[in-house]
Full PDB file with SEQRES, HELIX, SHEET, SSBOND, CRYST1, ORIGX, SCALE, CONECT and MASTER records, all heavy atoms in Angstrom:
SEQRES   1 A   41  PHE PRO GLN GLN HIS THR LEU GLU MET GLY THR ALA ILE          
SEQRES   2 A   41  THR PRO VAL ASP CYS TYR VAL GLU MET LEU LEU GLN GLN          
SEQRES   3 A   41  PHE LEU PRO GLY GLU THR ALA ALA CYS SER ILE THR SER          
SEQRES   4 A   41  LYS THR                                                      
HELIX    1 AA1 PRO A   15  LEU A   24  1                                  10    
CRYST1    1.000    1.000    1.000  90.00  90.00  90.00 P 1           1          
ORIGX1      1.000000  0.000000  0.000000        0.00000                         
ORIGX2      0.000000  1.000000  0.000000        0.00000                         
ORIGX3      0.000000  0.000000  1.000000        0.00000                         
SCALE1      1.000000  0.000000  0.000000        0.00000                         
SCALE2      0.000000  1.000000  0.000000        0.00000                         
SCALE3      0.000000  0.000000  1.000000        0.00000                         
ATOM      1  N   PHE A   1     -31.745 -25.549   4.612  1.00  0.00           N  
ATOM      2  CA  PHE A   1     -30.846 -24.805   3.735  1.00  0.00           C  
ATOM      3  C   PHE A   1     -31.205 -25.032   2.275  1.00  0.00           C  
ATOM      4  O   PHE A   1     -31.872 -26.053   1.979  1.00  0.00           O  
ATOM      5  CB  PHE A   1     -29.428 -25.335   3.984  1.00  0.00           C  
ATOM      6  CG  PHE A   1     -28.854 -24.924   5.312  1.00  0.00           C  
ATOM      7  CD1 PHE A   1     -28.897 -25.814   6.390  1.00  0.00           C  
ATOM      8  CD2 PHE A   1     -28.323 -23.649   5.523  1.00  0.00           C  
ATOM      9  CE1 PHE A   1     -28.387 -25.370   7.638  1.00  0.00           C  
ATOM     10  CE2 PHE A   1     -27.808 -23.222   6.763  1.00  0.00           C  
ATOM     11  CZ  PHE A   1     -27.869 -24.115   7.865  1.00  0.00           C  
ATOM     12  N   PRO A   2     -30.888 -24.112   1.376  1.00  0.00           N  
ATOM     13  CA  PRO A   2     -30.126 -22.896   1.567  1.00  0.00           C  
ATOM     14  C   PRO A   2     -30.918 -21.771   2.255  1.00  0.00           C  
ATOM     15  O   PRO A   2     -32.163 -21.769   2.088  1.00  0.00           O  
ATOM     16  CB  PRO A   2     -29.681 -22.497   0.141  1.00  0.00           C  
ATOM     17  CG  PRO A   2     -30.715 -23.084  -0.744  1.00  0.00           C  
ATOM     18  CD  PRO A   2     -31.203 -24.346  -0.096  1.00  0.00           C  
ATOM     19  N   GLN A   3     -30.202 -20.907   3.003  1.00  0.00           N  
ATOM     20  CA  GLN A   3     -30.801 -19.717   3.625  1.00  0.00           C  
ATOM     21  C   GLN A   3     -30.314 -18.536   2.750  1.00  0.00           C  
ATOM     22  O   GLN A   3     -29.098 -18.293   2.576  1.00  0.00           O  
ATOM     23  CB  GLN A   3     -30.307 -19.550   4.985  1.00  0.00           C  
ATOM     24  CG  GLN A   3     -30.701 -20.660   5.943  1.00  0.00           C  
ATOM     25  CD  GLN A   3     -31.984 -20.381   6.688  1.00  0.00           C  
ATOM     26  OE1 GLN A   3     -32.150 -19.273   7.230  1.00  0.00           O  
ATOM     27  NE2 GLN A   3     -32.923 -21.276   6.686  1.00  0.00           N  
ATOM     28  N   GLN A   4     -31.214 -17.767   2.241  1.00  0.00           N  
ATOM     29  CA  GLN A   4     -30.804 -16.664   1.365  1.00  0.00           C  
ATOM     30  C   GLN A   4     -30.824 -15.296   2.119  1.00  0.00           C  
ATOM     31  O   GLN A   4     -31.653 -15.023   2.948  1.00  0.00           O  
ATOM     32  CB  GLN A   4     -31.832 -16.553   0.171  1.00  0.00           C  
ATOM     33  CG  GLN A   4     -31.216 -15.881  -1.041  1.00  0.00           C  
ATOM     34  CD  GLN A   4     -32.116 -15.968  -2.229  1.00  0.00           C  
ATOM     35  OE1 GLN A   4     -33.180 -15.422  -2.284  1.00  0.00           O  
ATOM     36  NE2 GLN A   4     -31.621 -16.719  -3.304  1.00  0.00           N  
ATOM     37  N   HIS A   5     -29.800 -14.479   1.789  1.00  0.00           N  
ATOM     38  CA  HIS A   5     -29.653 -13.208   2.500  1.00  0.00           C  
ATOM     39  C   HIS A   5     -29.231 -12.095   1.495  1.00  0.00           C  
ATOM     40  O   HIS A   5     -28.590 -12.404   0.485  1.00  0.00           O  
ATOM     41  CB  HIS A   5     -28.552 -13.248   3.514  1.00  0.00           C  
ATOM     42  CG  HIS A   5     -28.763 -14.262   4.614  1.00  0.00           C  
ATOM     43  ND1 HIS A   5     -29.588 -14.094   5.638  1.00  0.00           N  
ATOM     44  CD2 HIS A   5     -28.229 -15.565   4.722  1.00  0.00           C  
ATOM     45  CE1 HIS A   5     -29.569 -15.150   6.451  1.00  0.00           C  
ATOM     46  NE2 HIS A   5     -28.775 -16.080   5.905  1.00  0.00           N  
ATOM     47  N   THR A   6     -29.630 -10.891   1.813  1.00  0.00           N  
ATOM     48  CA  THR A   6     -29.136  -9.740   1.052  1.00  0.00           C  
ATOM     49  C   THR A   6     -28.106  -9.051   2.036  1.00  0.00           C  
ATOM     50  O   THR A   6     -28.384  -8.889   3.218  1.00  0.00           O  
ATOM     51  CB  THR A   6     -30.228  -8.721   0.718  1.00  0.00           C  
ATOM     52  OG1 THR A   6     -31.184  -9.417  -0.141  1.00  0.00           O  
ATOM     53  CG2 THR A   6     -29.653  -7.529  -0.033  1.00  0.00           C  
ATOM     54  N   LEU A   7     -26.945  -8.648   1.530  1.00  0.00           N  
ATOM     55  CA  LEU A   7     -25.916  -8.053   2.355  1.00  0.00           C  
ATOM     56  C   LEU A   7     -25.368  -6.818   1.711  1.00  0.00           C  
ATOM     57  O   LEU A   7     -25.041  -6.805   0.480  1.00  0.00           O  
ATOM     58  CB  LEU A   7     -24.812  -9.107   2.562  1.00  0.00           C  
ATOM     59  CG  LEU A   7     -23.521  -8.697   3.374  1.00  0.00           C  
ATOM     60  CD1 LEU A   7     -22.918  -9.932   3.964  1.00  0.00           C  
ATOM     61  CD2 LEU A   7     -22.488  -8.013   2.479  1.00  0.00           C  
ATOM     62  N   GLU A   8     -25.289  -5.716   2.463  1.00  0.00           N  
ATOM     63  CA  GLU A   8     -24.649  -4.458   2.024  1.00  0.00           C  
ATOM     64  C   GLU A   8     -23.291  -4.462   2.701  1.00  0.00           C  
ATOM     65  O   GLU A   8     -23.186  -4.521   3.874  1.00  0.00           O  
ATOM     66  CB  GLU A   8     -25.529  -3.307   2.441  1.00  0.00           C  
ATOM     67  CG  GLU A   8     -25.015  -1.953   1.868  1.00  0.00           C  
ATOM     68  CD  GLU A   8     -25.921  -0.774   2.268  1.00  0.00           C  
ATOM     69  OE1 GLU A   8     -26.487  -0.828   3.353  1.00  0.00           O  
ATOM     70  OE2 GLU A   8     -26.056   0.155   1.476  1.00  0.00           O  
ATOM     71  N   MET A   9     -22.248  -4.341   1.891  1.00  0.00           N  
ATOM     72  CA  MET A   9     -20.866  -4.310   2.414  1.00  0.00           C  
ATOM     73  C   MET A   9     -20.708  -3.156   3.380  1.00  0.00           C  
ATOM     74  O   MET A   9     -21.212  -2.013   3.131  1.00  0.00           O  
ATOM     75  CB  MET A   9     -19.871  -4.192   1.273  1.00  0.00           C  
ATOM     76  CG  MET A   9     -19.810  -5.397   0.312  1.00  0.00           C  
ATOM     77  SD  MET A   9     -19.222  -6.908   1.118  1.00  0.00           S  
ATOM     78  CE  MET A   9     -19.569  -8.102  -0.215  1.00  0.00           C  
ATOM     79  N   GLY A  10     -19.966  -3.390   4.471  1.00  0.00           N  
ATOM     80  CA  GLY A  10     -19.697  -2.335   5.387  1.00  0.00           C  
ATOM     81  C   GLY A  10     -20.764  -2.201   6.516  1.00  0.00           C  
ATOM     82  O   GLY A  10     -20.778  -1.223   7.232  1.00  0.00           O  
ATOM     83  N   THR A  11     -21.699  -3.194   6.567  1.00  0.00           N  
ATOM     84  CA  THR A  11     -22.721  -3.081   7.607  1.00  0.00           C  
ATOM     85  C   THR A  11     -22.592  -4.243   8.679  1.00  0.00           C  
ATOM     86  O   THR A  11     -23.350  -4.256   9.605  1.00  0.00           O  
ATOM     87  CB  THR A  11     -24.114  -3.211   7.005  1.00  0.00           C  
ATOM     88  OG1 THR A  11     -24.260  -4.495   6.236  1.00  0.00           O  
ATOM     89  CG2 THR A  11     -24.413  -2.068   6.067  1.00  0.00           C  
ATOM     90  N   ALA A  12     -21.578  -5.107   8.509  1.00  0.00           N  
ATOM     91  CA  ALA A  12     -21.423  -6.217   9.453  1.00  0.00           C  
ATOM     92  C   ALA A  12     -21.045  -5.634  10.850  1.00  0.00           C  
ATOM     93  O   ALA A  12     -20.223  -4.733  10.948  1.00  0.00           O  
ATOM     94  CB  ALA A  12     -20.359  -7.086   9.035  1.00  0.00           C  
ATOM     95  N   ILE A  13     -21.674  -6.171  11.918  1.00  0.00           N  
ATOM     96  CA  ILE A  13     -21.427  -5.647  13.245  1.00  0.00           C  
ATOM     97  C   ILE A  13     -20.970  -6.791  14.197  1.00  0.00           C  
ATOM     98  O   ILE A  13     -21.017  -6.665  15.417  1.00  0.00           O  
ATOM     99  CB  ILE A  13     -22.531  -4.819  13.838  1.00  0.00           C  
ATOM    100  CG1 ILE A  13     -23.872  -5.581  13.863  1.00  0.00           C  
ATOM    101  CG2 ILE A  13     -22.678  -3.537  13.095  1.00  0.00           C  
ATOM    102  CD1 ILE A  13     -24.942  -4.935  14.639  1.00  0.00           C  
ATOM    103  N   THR A  14     -20.589  -7.977  13.652  1.00  0.00           N  
ATOM    104  CA  THR A  14     -19.971  -8.997  14.395  1.00  0.00           C  
ATOM    105  C   THR A  14     -18.712  -9.506  13.659  1.00  0.00           C  
ATOM    106  O   THR A  14     -18.621  -9.389  12.455  1.00  0.00           O  
ATOM    107  CB  THR A  14     -20.881 -10.242  14.656  1.00  0.00           C  
ATOM    108  OG1 THR A  14     -21.004 -10.909  13.385  1.00  0.00           O  
ATOM    109  CG2 THR A  14     -22.234  -9.812  15.207  1.00  0.00           C  
ATOM    110  N   PRO A  15     -17.697 -10.024  14.387  1.00  0.00           N  
ATOM    111  CA  PRO A  15     -16.529 -10.461  13.684  1.00  0.00           C  
ATOM    112  C   PRO A  15     -16.835 -11.542  12.556  1.00  0.00           C  
ATOM    113  O   PRO A  15     -16.323 -11.428  11.485  1.00  0.00           O  
ATOM    114  CB  PRO A  15     -15.642 -11.112  14.746  1.00  0.00           C  
ATOM    115  CG  PRO A  15     -16.062 -10.328  15.962  1.00  0.00           C  
ATOM    116  CD  PRO A  15     -17.497 -10.080  15.848  1.00  0.00           C  
ATOM    117  N   VAL A  16     -17.723 -12.478  12.866  1.00  0.00           N  
ATOM    118  CA  VAL A  16     -18.010 -13.532  11.864  1.00  0.00           C  
ATOM    119  C   VAL A  16     -18.571 -12.863  10.581  1.00  0.00           C  
ATOM    120  O   VAL A  16     -18.182 -13.214   9.468  1.00  0.00           O  
ATOM    121  CB  VAL A  16     -19.074 -14.571  12.425  1.00  0.00           C  
ATOM    122  CG1 VAL A  16     -19.651 -15.404  11.346  1.00  0.00           C  
ATOM    123  CG2 VAL A  16     -18.369 -15.444  13.468  1.00  0.00           C  
ATOM    124  N   ASP A  17     -19.486 -11.892  10.717  1.00  0.00           N  
ATOM    125  CA  ASP A  17     -20.103 -11.262   9.557  1.00  0.00           C  
ATOM    126  C   ASP A  17     -19.091 -10.357   8.818  1.00  0.00           C  
ATOM    127  O   ASP A  17     -19.198 -10.243   7.558  1.00  0.00           O  
ATOM    128  CB  ASP A  17     -21.361 -10.495   9.961  1.00  0.00           C  
ATOM    129  CG  ASP A  17     -22.499 -11.442  10.470  1.00  0.00           C  
ATOM    130  OD1 ASP A  17     -22.357 -12.649  10.223  1.00  0.00           O  
ATOM    131  OD2 ASP A  17     -23.454 -10.920  11.049  1.00  0.00           O  
ATOM    132  N   CYS A  18     -18.177  -9.817   9.543  1.00  0.00           N  
ATOM    133  CA  CYS A  18     -17.128  -9.035   8.857  1.00  0.00           C  
ATOM    134  C   CYS A  18     -16.291  -9.961   7.993  1.00  0.00           C  
ATOM    135  O   CYS A  18     -15.976  -9.610   6.797  1.00  0.00           O  
ATOM    136  CB  CYS A  18     -16.131  -8.389   9.873  1.00  0.00           C  
ATOM    137  SG  CYS A  18     -16.856  -6.909  10.707  1.00  0.00           S  
ATOM    138  N   TYR A  19     -16.009 -11.122   8.479  1.00  0.00           N  
ATOM    139  CA  TYR A  19     -15.309 -12.131   7.680  1.00  0.00           C  
ATOM    140  C   TYR A  19     -16.135 -12.684   6.535  1.00  0.00           C  
ATOM    141  O   TYR A  19     -15.546 -12.928   5.416  1.00  0.00           O  
ATOM    142  CB  TYR A  19     -14.800 -13.276   8.580  1.00  0.00           C  
ATOM    143  CG  TYR A  19     -13.714 -12.811   9.523  1.00  0.00           C  
ATOM    144  CD1 TYR A  19     -13.699 -13.308  10.846  1.00  0.00           C  
ATOM    145  CD2 TYR A  19     -12.720 -11.924   9.162  1.00  0.00           C  
ATOM    146  CE1 TYR A  19     -12.682 -12.884  11.767  1.00  0.00           C  
ATOM    147  CE2 TYR A  19     -11.743 -11.507  10.054  1.00  0.00           C  
ATOM    148  CZ  TYR A  19     -11.752 -12.022  11.313  1.00  0.00           C  
ATOM    149  OH  TYR A  19     -10.783 -11.604  12.217  1.00  0.00           O  
ATOM    150  N   VAL A  20     -17.457 -12.841   6.703  1.00  0.00           N  
ATOM    151  CA  VAL A  20     -18.294 -13.233   5.593  1.00  0.00           C  
ATOM    152  C   VAL A  20     -18.234 -12.193   4.499  1.00  0.00           C  
ATOM    153  O   VAL A  20     -18.118 -12.549   3.326  1.00  0.00           O  
ATOM    154  CB  VAL A  20     -19.794 -13.465   6.078  1.00  0.00           C  
ATOM    155  CG1 VAL A  20     -20.717 -13.552   4.884  1.00  0.00           C  
ATOM    156  CG2 VAL A  20     -19.864 -14.713   6.962  1.00  0.00           C  
ATOM    157  N   GLU A  21     -18.258 -10.931   4.850  1.00  0.00           N  
ATOM    158  CA  GLU A  21     -18.122  -9.821   3.805  1.00  0.00           C  
ATOM    159  C   GLU A  21     -16.808  -9.972   3.041  1.00  0.00           C  
ATOM    160  O   GLU A  21     -16.803  -9.848   1.859  1.00  0.00           O  
ATOM    161  CB  GLU A  21     -18.149  -8.476   4.504  1.00  0.00           C  
ATOM    162  CG  GLU A  21     -19.547  -7.949   4.914  1.00  0.00           C  
ATOM    163  CD  GLU A  21     -19.530  -6.513   5.282  1.00  0.00           C  
ATOM    164  OE1 GLU A  21     -18.591  -5.764   4.989  1.00  0.00           O  
ATOM    165  OE2 GLU A  21     -20.610  -6.046   5.814  1.00  0.00           O  
ATOM    166  N   MET A  22     -15.711 -10.187   3.821  1.00  0.00           N  
ATOM    167  CA  MET A  22     -14.386 -10.321   3.137  1.00  0.00           C  
ATOM    168  C   MET A  22     -14.401 -11.534   2.198  1.00  0.00           C  
ATOM    169  O   MET A  22     -13.830 -11.407   1.074  1.00  0.00           O  
ATOM    170  CB  MET A  22     -13.302 -10.471   4.186  1.00  0.00           C  
ATOM    171  CG  MET A  22     -12.987  -9.227   4.968  1.00  0.00           C  
ATOM    172  SD  MET A  22     -11.767  -9.569   6.257  1.00  0.00           S  
ATOM    173  CE  MET A  22     -12.040  -8.164   7.346  1.00  0.00           C  
ATOM    174  N   LEU A  23     -14.932 -12.639   2.605  1.00  0.00           N  
ATOM    175  CA  LEU A  23     -14.982 -13.833   1.770  1.00  0.00           C  
ATOM    176  C   LEU A  23     -15.813 -13.547   0.519  1.00  0.00           C  
ATOM    177  O   LEU A  23     -15.417 -13.901  -0.610  1.00  0.00           O  
ATOM    178  CB  LEU A  23     -15.504 -14.988   2.567  1.00  0.00           C  
ATOM    179  CG  LEU A  23     -14.565 -15.633   3.545  1.00  0.00           C  
ATOM    180  CD1 LEU A  23     -15.324 -16.453   4.641  1.00  0.00           C  
ATOM    181  CD2 LEU A  23     -13.543 -16.512   2.823  1.00  0.00           C  
ATOM    182  N   LEU A  24     -16.959 -12.957   0.706  1.00  0.00           N  
ATOM    183  CA  LEU A  24     -17.825 -12.715  -0.497  1.00  0.00           C  
ATOM    184  C   LEU A  24     -17.193 -11.823  -1.533  1.00  0.00           C  
ATOM    185  O   LEU A  24     -17.529 -11.891  -2.736  1.00  0.00           O  
ATOM    186  CB  LEU A  24     -19.181 -12.153  -0.097  1.00  0.00           C  
ATOM    187  CG  LEU A  24     -20.179 -13.148   0.542  1.00  0.00           C  
ATOM    188  CD1 LEU A  24     -21.335 -12.445   1.256  1.00  0.00           C  
ATOM    189  CD2 LEU A  24     -20.682 -14.142  -0.491  1.00  0.00           C  
ATOM    190  N   GLN A  25     -16.295 -10.953  -1.088  1.00  0.00           N  
ATOM    191  CA  GLN A  25     -15.596 -10.100  -2.079  1.00  0.00           C  
ATOM    192  C   GLN A  25     -14.603 -10.895  -2.940  1.00  0.00           C  
ATOM    193  O   GLN A  25     -14.029 -10.293  -3.871  1.00  0.00           O  
ATOM    194  CB  GLN A  25     -14.856  -8.951  -1.343  1.00  0.00           C  
ATOM    195  CG  GLN A  25     -15.858  -7.888  -0.852  1.00  0.00           C  
ATOM    196  CD  GLN A  25     -15.232  -6.776  -0.086  1.00  0.00           C  
ATOM    197  OE1 GLN A  25     -14.256  -6.160  -0.610  1.00  0.00           O  
ATOM    198  NE2 GLN A  25     -15.763  -6.381   1.027  1.00  0.00           N  
ATOM    199  N   GLN A  26     -14.390 -12.153  -2.605  1.00  0.00           N  
ATOM    200  CA  GLN A  26     -13.550 -13.064  -3.409  1.00  0.00           C  
ATOM    201  C   GLN A  26     -14.326 -13.968  -4.330  1.00  0.00           C  
ATOM    202  O   GLN A  26     -13.755 -14.769  -4.984  1.00  0.00           O  
ATOM    203  CB  GLN A  26     -12.626 -13.914  -2.457  1.00  0.00           C  
ATOM    204  CG  GLN A  26     -11.768 -13.064  -1.546  1.00  0.00           C  
ATOM    205  CD  GLN A  26     -10.876 -12.146  -2.252  1.00  0.00           C  
ATOM    206  OE1 GLN A  26     -10.319 -12.424  -3.301  1.00  0.00           O  
ATOM    207  NE2 GLN A  26     -10.738 -10.955  -1.703  1.00  0.00           N  
ATOM    208  N   PHE A  27     -15.673 -13.811  -4.381  1.00  0.00           N  
ATOM    209  CA  PHE A  27     -16.568 -14.682  -5.172  1.00  0.00           C  
ATOM    210  C   PHE A  27     -16.858 -14.003  -6.529  1.00  0.00           C  
ATOM    211  O   PHE A  27     -16.934 -12.783  -6.628  1.00  0.00           O  
ATOM    212  CB  PHE A  27     -17.911 -14.821  -4.478  1.00  0.00           C  
ATOM    213  CG  PHE A  27     -17.906 -15.955  -3.443  1.00  0.00           C  
ATOM    214  CD1 PHE A  27     -17.136 -15.893  -2.258  1.00  0.00           C  
ATOM    215  CD2 PHE A  27     -18.741 -17.064  -3.639  1.00  0.00           C  
ATOM    216  CE1 PHE A  27     -17.220 -16.944  -1.338  1.00  0.00           C  
ATOM    217  CE2 PHE A  27     -18.765 -18.084  -2.669  1.00  0.00           C  
ATOM    218  CZ  PHE A  27     -17.989 -18.003  -1.546  1.00  0.00           C  
ATOM    219  N   LEU A  28     -17.124 -14.855  -7.513  1.00  0.00           N  
ATOM    220  CA  LEU A  28     -17.754 -14.426  -8.774  1.00  0.00           C  
ATOM    221  C   LEU A  28     -19.255 -14.753  -8.681  1.00  0.00           C  
ATOM    222  O   LEU A  28     -19.594 -15.730  -8.005  1.00  0.00           O  
ATOM    223  CB  LEU A  28     -17.183 -15.174  -9.961  1.00  0.00           C  
ATOM    224  CG  LEU A  28     -15.716 -14.869 -10.326  1.00  0.00           C  
ATOM    225  CD1 LEU A  28     -15.167 -15.801 -11.346  1.00  0.00           C  
ATOM    226  CD2 LEU A  28     -15.552 -13.468 -10.820  1.00  0.00           C  
ATOM    227  N   PRO A  29     -20.111 -13.984  -9.337  1.00  0.00           N  
ATOM    228  CA  PRO A  29     -21.519 -14.316  -9.381  1.00  0.00           C  
ATOM    229  C   PRO A  29     -21.727 -15.746  -9.935  1.00  0.00           C  
ATOM    230  O   PRO A  29     -21.120 -16.169 -10.876  1.00  0.00           O  
ATOM    231  CB  PRO A  29     -22.134 -13.270 -10.318  1.00  0.00           C  
ATOM    232  CG  PRO A  29     -21.151 -12.122 -10.223  1.00  0.00           C  
ATOM    233  CD  PRO A  29     -19.818 -12.751 -10.088  1.00  0.00           C  
ATOM    234  N   GLY A  30     -22.584 -16.531  -9.227  1.00  0.00           N  
ATOM    235  CA  GLY A  30     -22.868 -17.890  -9.655  1.00  0.00           C  
ATOM    236  C   GLY A  30     -21.893 -18.885  -9.085  1.00  0.00           C  
ATOM    237  O   GLY A  30     -21.996 -20.104  -9.265  1.00  0.00           O  
ATOM    238  N   GLU A  31     -20.917 -18.418  -8.250  1.00  0.00           N  
ATOM    239  CA  GLU A  31     -19.965 -19.328  -7.634  1.00  0.00           C  
ATOM    240  C   GLU A  31     -20.472 -19.900  -6.274  1.00  0.00           C  
ATOM    241  O   GLU A  31     -21.056 -19.195  -5.490  1.00  0.00           O  
ATOM    242  CB  GLU A  31     -18.669 -18.510  -7.406  1.00  0.00           C  
ATOM    243  CG  GLU A  31     -17.563 -19.303  -6.671  1.00  0.00           C  
ATOM    244  CD  GLU A  31     -16.362 -18.479  -6.377  1.00  0.00           C  
ATOM    245  OE1 GLU A  31     -16.073 -17.500  -7.135  1.00  0.00           O  
ATOM    246  OE2 GLU A  31     -15.701 -18.782  -5.364  1.00  0.00           O  
ATOM    247  N   THR A  32     -20.184 -21.189  -6.100  1.00  0.00           N  
ATOM    248  CA  THR A  32     -20.368 -21.827  -4.781  1.00  0.00           C  
ATOM    249  C   THR A  32     -18.965 -22.221  -4.267  1.00  0.00           C  
ATOM    250  O   THR A  32     -18.163 -22.782  -5.000  1.00  0.00           O  
ATOM    251  CB  THR A  32     -21.279 -23.080  -4.937  1.00  0.00           C  
ATOM    252  OG1 THR A  32     -22.577 -22.661  -5.386  1.00  0.00           O  
ATOM    253  CG2 THR A  32     -21.462 -23.744  -3.631  1.00  0.00           C  
ATOM    254  N   ALA A  33     -18.757 -21.964  -2.981  1.00  0.00           N  
ATOM    255  CA  ALA A  33     -17.458 -22.302  -2.408  1.00  0.00           C  
ATOM    256  C   ALA A  33     -17.574 -22.815  -1.002  1.00  0.00           C  
ATOM    257  O   ALA A  33     -18.503 -22.330  -0.247  1.00  0.00           O  
ATOM    258  CB  ALA A  33     -16.539 -21.068  -2.483  1.00  0.00           C  
ATOM    259  N   ALA A  34     -16.713 -23.717  -0.615  1.00  0.00           N  
ATOM    260  CA  ALA A  34     -16.548 -24.116   0.807  1.00  0.00           C  
ATOM    261  C   ALA A  34     -15.701 -23.148   1.506  1.00  0.00           C  
ATOM    262  O   ALA A  34     -14.540 -22.892   1.075  1.00  0.00           O  
ATOM    263  CB  ALA A  34     -15.980 -25.538   0.857  1.00  0.00           C  
ATOM    264  N   CYS A  35     -16.180 -22.550   2.548  1.00  0.00           N  
ATOM    265  CA  CYS A  35     -15.415 -21.480   3.247  1.00  0.00           C  
ATOM    266  C   CYS A  35     -15.194 -21.877   4.690  1.00  0.00           C  
ATOM    267  O   CYS A  35     -15.902 -22.665   5.240  1.00  0.00           O  
ATOM    268  CB  CYS A  35     -16.228 -20.187   3.303  1.00  0.00           C  
ATOM    269  SG  CYS A  35     -16.700 -19.549   1.713  1.00  0.00           S  
ATOM    270  N   SER A  36     -14.123 -21.314   5.274  1.00  0.00           N  
ATOM    271  CA  SER A  36     -13.896 -21.540   6.670  1.00  0.00           C  
ATOM    272  C   SER A  36     -13.253 -20.344   7.355  1.00  0.00           C  
ATOM    273  O   SER A  36     -12.590 -19.529   6.688  1.00  0.00           O  
ATOM    274  CB  SER A  36     -13.008 -22.738   6.923  1.00  0.00           C  
ATOM    275  OG  SER A  36     -11.680 -22.455   6.505  1.00  0.00           O  
ATOM    276  N   ILE A  37     -13.522 -20.171   8.647  1.00  0.00           N  
ATOM    277  CA  ILE A  37     -12.869 -19.116   9.458  1.00  0.00           C  
ATOM    278  C   ILE A  37     -12.266 -19.909  10.653  1.00  0.00           C  
ATOM    279  O   ILE A  37     -12.991 -20.612  11.370  1.00  0.00           O  
ATOM    280  CB  ILE A  37     -13.937 -18.130  10.044  1.00  0.00           C  
ATOM    281  CG1 ILE A  37     -14.771 -17.488   8.891  1.00  0.00           C  
ATOM    282  CG2 ILE A  37     -13.272 -17.074  10.893  1.00  0.00           C  
ATOM    283  CD1 ILE A  37     -16.004 -16.709   9.399  1.00  0.00           C  
ATOM    284  N   THR A  38     -10.971 -19.752  10.745  1.00  0.00           N  
ATOM    285  CA  THR A  38     -10.217 -20.404  11.828  1.00  0.00           C  
ATOM    286  C   THR A  38      -9.839 -19.371  12.939  1.00  0.00           C  
ATOM    287  O   THR A  38      -9.168 -18.403  12.628  1.00  0.00           O  
ATOM    288  CB  THR A  38      -8.983 -21.137  11.336  1.00  0.00           C  
ATOM    289  OG1 THR A  38      -9.406 -22.059  10.298  1.00  0.00           O  
ATOM    290  CG2 THR A  38      -8.332 -21.945  12.440  1.00  0.00           C  
ATOM    291  N   SER A  39     -10.264 -19.613  14.140  1.00  0.00           N  
ATOM    292  CA  SER A  39      -9.984 -18.667  15.276  1.00  0.00           C  
ATOM    293  C   SER A  39      -8.550 -18.828  15.688  1.00  0.00           C  
ATOM    294  O   SER A  39      -7.886 -19.792  15.332  1.00  0.00           O  
ATOM    295  CB  SER A  39     -10.960 -18.952  16.428  1.00  0.00           C  
ATOM    296  OG  SER A  39     -10.573 -20.142  17.051  1.00  0.00           O  
ATOM    297  N   LYS A  40      -8.123 -17.831  16.533  1.00  0.00           N  
ATOM    298  CA  LYS A  40      -6.703 -17.945  17.016  1.00  0.00           C  
ATOM    299  C   LYS A  40      -6.503 -19.188  17.909  1.00  0.00           C  
ATOM    300  O   LYS A  40      -5.368 -19.652  18.053  1.00  0.00           O  
ATOM    301  CB  LYS A  40      -6.417 -16.631  17.825  1.00  0.00           C  
ATOM    302  CG  LYS A  40      -6.143 -15.486  16.893  1.00  0.00           C  
ATOM    303  CD  LYS A  40      -5.616 -14.253  17.703  1.00  0.00           C  
ATOM    304  CE  LYS A  40      -5.154 -13.149  16.736  1.00  0.00           C  
ATOM    305  NZ  LYS A  40      -6.216 -12.543  15.986  1.00  0.00           N  
ATOM    306  N   THR A  41      -7.616 -19.724  18.474  1.00  0.00           N  
ATOM    307  CA  THR A  41      -7.467 -20.893  19.336  1.00  0.00           C  
ATOM    308  C   THR A  41      -7.594 -22.202  18.503  1.00  0.00           C  
ATOM    309  O   THR A  41      -7.597 -23.292  19.063  1.00  0.00           O  
ATOM    310  CB  THR A  41      -8.508 -20.871  20.453  1.00  0.00           C  
ATOM    311  OG1 THR A  41      -9.813 -20.702  19.886  1.00  0.00           O  
ATOM    312  CG2 THR A  41      -8.261 -19.754  21.460  1.00  0.00           C  
TER     313      THR A  41                                                      
MASTER        0    0    0    1    0    0    0    6  312    1    0    4          
END                                                                             
């Protein structure tokens, strides 16, 4: 790590990646944040 990626919003095709898109829309450029996704279980 780190693993670098380019992402175009609206292209996620798994639930995890849909949530990654949603989280990234809450970031400012240059920001590092600890993120989590909690499942229903």
